[in-house]
Amino acid sequence: ESFNNVKQWLQEIDRHASENVNKLLVGNKCDLTTKKVVDYTTAKEFAENVGIPFLETSAKSATNVDQAFMTMAADIKKRMGPGATAGSSEKSNVKIQNKPVNTSSGGCCDGFI
């Protein structure tokens, strides 16, 4: 049933997510081969037709779980470009002003600010 909804979910992502958002089609529970509803070839061809990568995973046997995260991380890093890494020379700063907070304003939350 989930596989039948993927096309609709992708349309929702395109409609509501930021432009060029990274996507990955993941078929889970690949360890349950006798209960498989969607075969690998069908899912892979679907993913290729919509232009997204595909992986089969199993949390139980730890098959491709790390690979799914690494695939997404690598794709995001590639999309963000070389300037988006943690070691970039540009640093972001947050300025905090040192102003006293009046905590004796009365009322029900007096002193809890």
C-alpha atoms as a PDB file:
ATOM      1  CA  GLU A   1       0.000   0.000   0.000  1.00  0.00           C
ATOM      2  CA  SER A   2       2.817   2.461   0.823  1.00  0.00           C
ATOM      3  CA  PHE A   3       4.394   2.009  -2.594  1.00  0.00           C
ATOM      4  CA  ASN A   4       1.113   3.004  -4.253  1.00  0.00           C
ATOM      5  CA  ASN A   5       1.225   6.322  -2.357  1.00  0.00           C
ATOM      6  CA  VAL A   6       4.805   7.279  -3.274  1.00  0.00           C
ATOM      7  CA  LYS A   7       3.823   9.249  -6.380  1.00  0.00           C
ATOM      8  CA  GLN A   8       1.348  11.332  -4.356  1.00  0.00           C
ATOM      9  CA  TRP A   9       3.907  11.879  -1.587  1.00  0.00           C
ATOM     10  CA  LEU A  10       6.459  13.087  -4.133  1.00  0.00           C
ATOM     11  CA  GLN A  11       3.897  15.559  -5.491  1.00  0.00           C
ATOM     12  CA  GLU A  12       3.300  16.810  -1.948  1.00  0.00           C
ATOM     13  CA  ILE A  13       7.035  17.226  -1.442  1.00  0.00           C
ATOM     14  CA  ASP A  14       7.337  19.181  -4.687  1.00  0.00           C
ATOM     15  CA  ARG A  15       4.386  21.354  -3.708  1.00  0.00           C
ATOM     16  CA  HIS A  16       5.436  22.134  -0.127  1.00  0.00           C
ATOM     17  CA  ALA A  17       9.197  21.622   0.254  1.00  0.00           C
ATOM     18  CA  SER A  18      11.953  24.004  -0.729  1.00  0.00           C
ATOM     19  CA  GLU A  19      13.203  23.907  -4.293  1.00  0.00           C
ATOM     20  CA  ASN A  20      15.618  21.081  -5.175  1.00  0.00           C
ATOM     21  CA  VAL A  21      15.006  19.217  -1.914  1.00  0.00           C
ATOM     22  CA  ASN A  22      16.862  15.910  -1.721  1.00  0.00           C
ATOM     23  CA  LYS A  23      14.790  12.743  -2.002  1.00  0.00           C
ATOM     24  CA  LEU A  24      15.541   9.060  -1.539  1.00  0.00           C
ATOM     25  CA  LEU A  25      13.134   6.177  -2.073  1.00  0.00           C
ATOM     26  CA  VAL A  26      13.705   3.559   0.618  1.00  0.00           C
ATOM     27  CA  GLY A  27      12.201   0.093   0.544  1.00  0.00           C
ATOM     28  CA  ASN A  28      12.303  -1.222   4.102  1.00  0.00           C
ATOM     29  CA  LYS A  29      12.172  -4.697   5.644  1.00  0.00           C
ATOM     30  CA  CYS A  30      14.155  -6.214   2.774  1.00  0.00           C
ATOM     31  CA  ASP A  31      15.016  -9.093   5.131  1.00  0.00           C
ATOM     32  CA  LEU A  32      11.423 -10.353   4.794  1.00  0.00           C
ATOM     33  CA  THR A  33      11.944 -11.730   1.283  1.00  0.00           C
ATOM     34  CA  THR A  34       8.993 -14.131   1.397  1.00  0.00           C
ATOM     35  CA  LYS A  35       6.599 -11.314   2.343  1.00  0.00           C
ATOM     36  CA  LYS A  36       7.903  -8.835  -0.234  1.00  0.00           C
ATOM     37  CA  VAL A  37       5.071  -7.057  -2.068  1.00  0.00           C
ATOM     38  CA  VAL A  38       7.121  -4.837  -4.408  1.00  0.00           C
ATOM     39  CA  ASP A  39      10.112  -6.414  -6.096  1.00  0.00           C
ATOM     40  CA  TYR A  40      13.442  -4.606  -6.336  1.00  0.00           C
ATOM     41  CA  THR A  41      13.274  -4.083 -10.120  1.00  0.00           C
ATOM     42  CA  THR A  42       9.843  -2.432  -9.986  1.00  0.00           C
ATOM     43  CA  ALA A  43      10.888  -0.033  -7.224  1.00  0.00           C
ATOM     44  CA  LYS A  44      14.244   0.726  -8.868  1.00  0.00           C
ATOM     45  CA  GLU A  45      12.602   1.483 -12.233  1.00  0.00           C
ATOM     46  CA  PHE A  46      10.042   3.727 -10.539  1.00  0.00           C
ATOM     47  CA  ALA A  47      12.795   5.640  -8.742  1.00  0.00           C
ATOM     48  CA  GLU A  48      14.753   6.054 -11.976  1.00  0.00           C
ATOM     49  CA  ASN A  49      11.630   7.326 -13.778  1.00  0.00           C
ATOM     50  CA  VAL A  50      11.060  10.032 -11.163  1.00  0.00           C
ATOM     51  CA  GLY A  51      14.775  10.825 -10.904  1.00  0.00           C
ATOM     52  CA  ILE A  52      15.554   9.794  -7.344  1.00  0.00           C
ATOM     53  CA  PRO A  53      17.919   7.185  -5.880  1.00  0.00           C
ATOM     54  CA  PHE A  54      16.577   3.925  -4.432  1.00  0.00           C
ATOM     55  CA  LEU A  55      17.815   1.656  -1.645  1.00  0.00           C
ATOM     56  CA  GLU A  56      16.391  -1.375   0.090  1.00  0.00           C
ATOM     57  CA  THR A  57      17.000  -1.461   3.836  1.00  0.00           C
ATOM     58  CA  SER A  58      16.427  -3.635   6.863  1.00  0.00           C
ATOM     59  CA  ALA A  59      16.688  -2.294  10.381  1.00  0.00           C
ATOM     60  CA  LYS A  60      16.566  -5.855  11.703  1.00  0.00           C
ATOM     61  CA  SER A  61      19.650  -7.012   9.783  1.00  0.00           C
ATOM     62  CA  ALA A  62      21.184  -3.502   9.528  1.00  0.00           C
ATOM     63  CA  THR A  63      21.237  -3.792   5.733  1.00  0.00           C
ATOM     64  CA  ASN A  64      21.865  -0.433   4.027  1.00  0.00           C
ATOM     65  CA  VAL A  65      20.625   1.629   6.989  1.00  0.00           C
ATOM     66  CA  ASP A  66      23.925   3.516   7.234  1.00  0.00           C
ATOM     67  CA  GLN A  67      24.049   3.679   3.439  1.00  0.00           C
ATOM     68  CA  ALA A  68      20.658   5.427   3.329  1.00  0.00           C
ATOM     69  CA  PHE A  69      21.867   8.135   5.719  1.00  0.00           C
ATOM     70  CA  MET A  70      25.214   8.463   3.946  1.00  0.00           C
ATOM     71  CA  THR A  71      23.510   8.741   0.551  1.00  0.00           C
ATOM     72  CA  MET A  72      21.280  11.565   1.774  1.00  0.00           C
ATOM     73  CA  ALA A  73      24.141  13.335   3.545  1.00  0.00           C
ATOM     74  CA  ALA A  74      26.369  13.144   0.457  1.00  0.00           C
ATOM     75  CA  ASP A  75      23.576  14.400  -1.808  1.00  0.00           C
ATOM     76  CA  ILE A  76      22.800  17.298   0.538  1.00  0.00           C
ATOM     77  CA  LYS A  77      26.474  18.216   0.809  1.00  0.00           C
ATOM     78  CA  LYS A  78      26.800  18.137  -2.981  1.00  0.00           C
ATOM     79  CA  ARG A  79      23.704  20.332  -3.399  1.00  0.00           C
ATOM     80  CA  MET A  80      24.842  22.831  -0.769  1.00  0.00           C
ATOM     81  CA  GLY A  81      28.237  23.258  -2.398  1.00  0.00           C
ATOM     82  CA  PRO A  82      31.748  23.512  -0.999  1.00  0.00           C
ATOM     83  CA  GLY A  83      31.078  26.697   1.004  1.00  0.00           C
ATOM     84  CA  ALA A  84      28.516  24.969   3.212  1.00  0.00           C
ATOM     85  CA  THR A  85      30.899  22.690   5.103  1.00  0.00           C
ATOM     86  CA  ALA A  86      31.586  23.109   8.808  1.00  0.00           C
ATOM     87  CA  GLY A  87      35.186  24.107   8.105  1.00  0.00           C
ATOM     88  CA  SER A  88      34.226  27.056   5.934  1.00  0.00           C
ATOM     89  CA  SER A  89      36.181  30.280   6.459  1.00  0.00           C
ATOM     90  CA  GLU A  90      33.046  32.394   6.917  1.00  0.00           C
ATOM     91  CA  LYS A  91      31.773  32.302  10.476  1.00  0.00           C
ATOM     92  CA  SER A  92      28.276  33.070  11.637  1.00  0.00           C
ATOM     93  CA  ASN A  93      27.952  35.168  14.764  1.00  0.00           C
ATOM     94  CA  VAL A  94      25.038  35.778  17.066  1.00  0.00           C
ATOM     95  CA  LYS A  95      25.121  39.039  19.006  1.00  0.00           C
ATOM     96  CA  ILE A  96      23.628  38.942  22.473  1.00  0.00           C
ATOM     97  CA  GLN A  97      22.826  42.202  24.214  1.00  0.00           C
ATOM     98  CA  ASN A  98      23.421  42.392  27.930  1.00  0.00           C
ATOM     99  CA  LYS A  99      20.163  43.950  29.131  1.00  0.00           C
ATOM    100  CA  PRO A 100      18.640  43.285  32.538  1.00  0.00           C
ATOM    101  CA  VAL A 101      15.241  41.581  32.546  1.00  0.00           C
ATOM    102  CA  ASN A 102      12.594  43.107  34.771  1.00  0.00           C
ATOM    103  CA  THR A 103      11.254  40.172  36.774  1.00  0.00           C
ATOM    104  CA  SER A 104       9.055  42.103  39.189  1.00  0.00           C
ATOM    105  CA  SER A 105       6.299  43.109  36.802  1.00  0.00           C
ATOM    106  CA  GLY A 106       3.572  41.577  38.937  1.00  0.00           C
ATOM    107  CA  GLY A 107       1.006  39.140  37.641  1.00  0.00           C
ATOM    108  CA  CYS A 108       0.831  35.371  37.690  1.00  0.00           C
ATOM    109  CA  CYS A 109       4.328  34.725  36.318  1.00  0.00           C
ATOM    110  CA  ASP A 110       6.176  37.171  38.580  1.00  0.00           C
ATOM    111  CA  GLY A 111       9.793  36.160  38.914  1.00  0.00           C
ATOM    112  CA  PHE A 112       9.713  33.321  36.384  1.00  0.00           C
ATOM    113  CA  ILE A 113      11.150  35.188  33.404  1.00  0.00           C
END
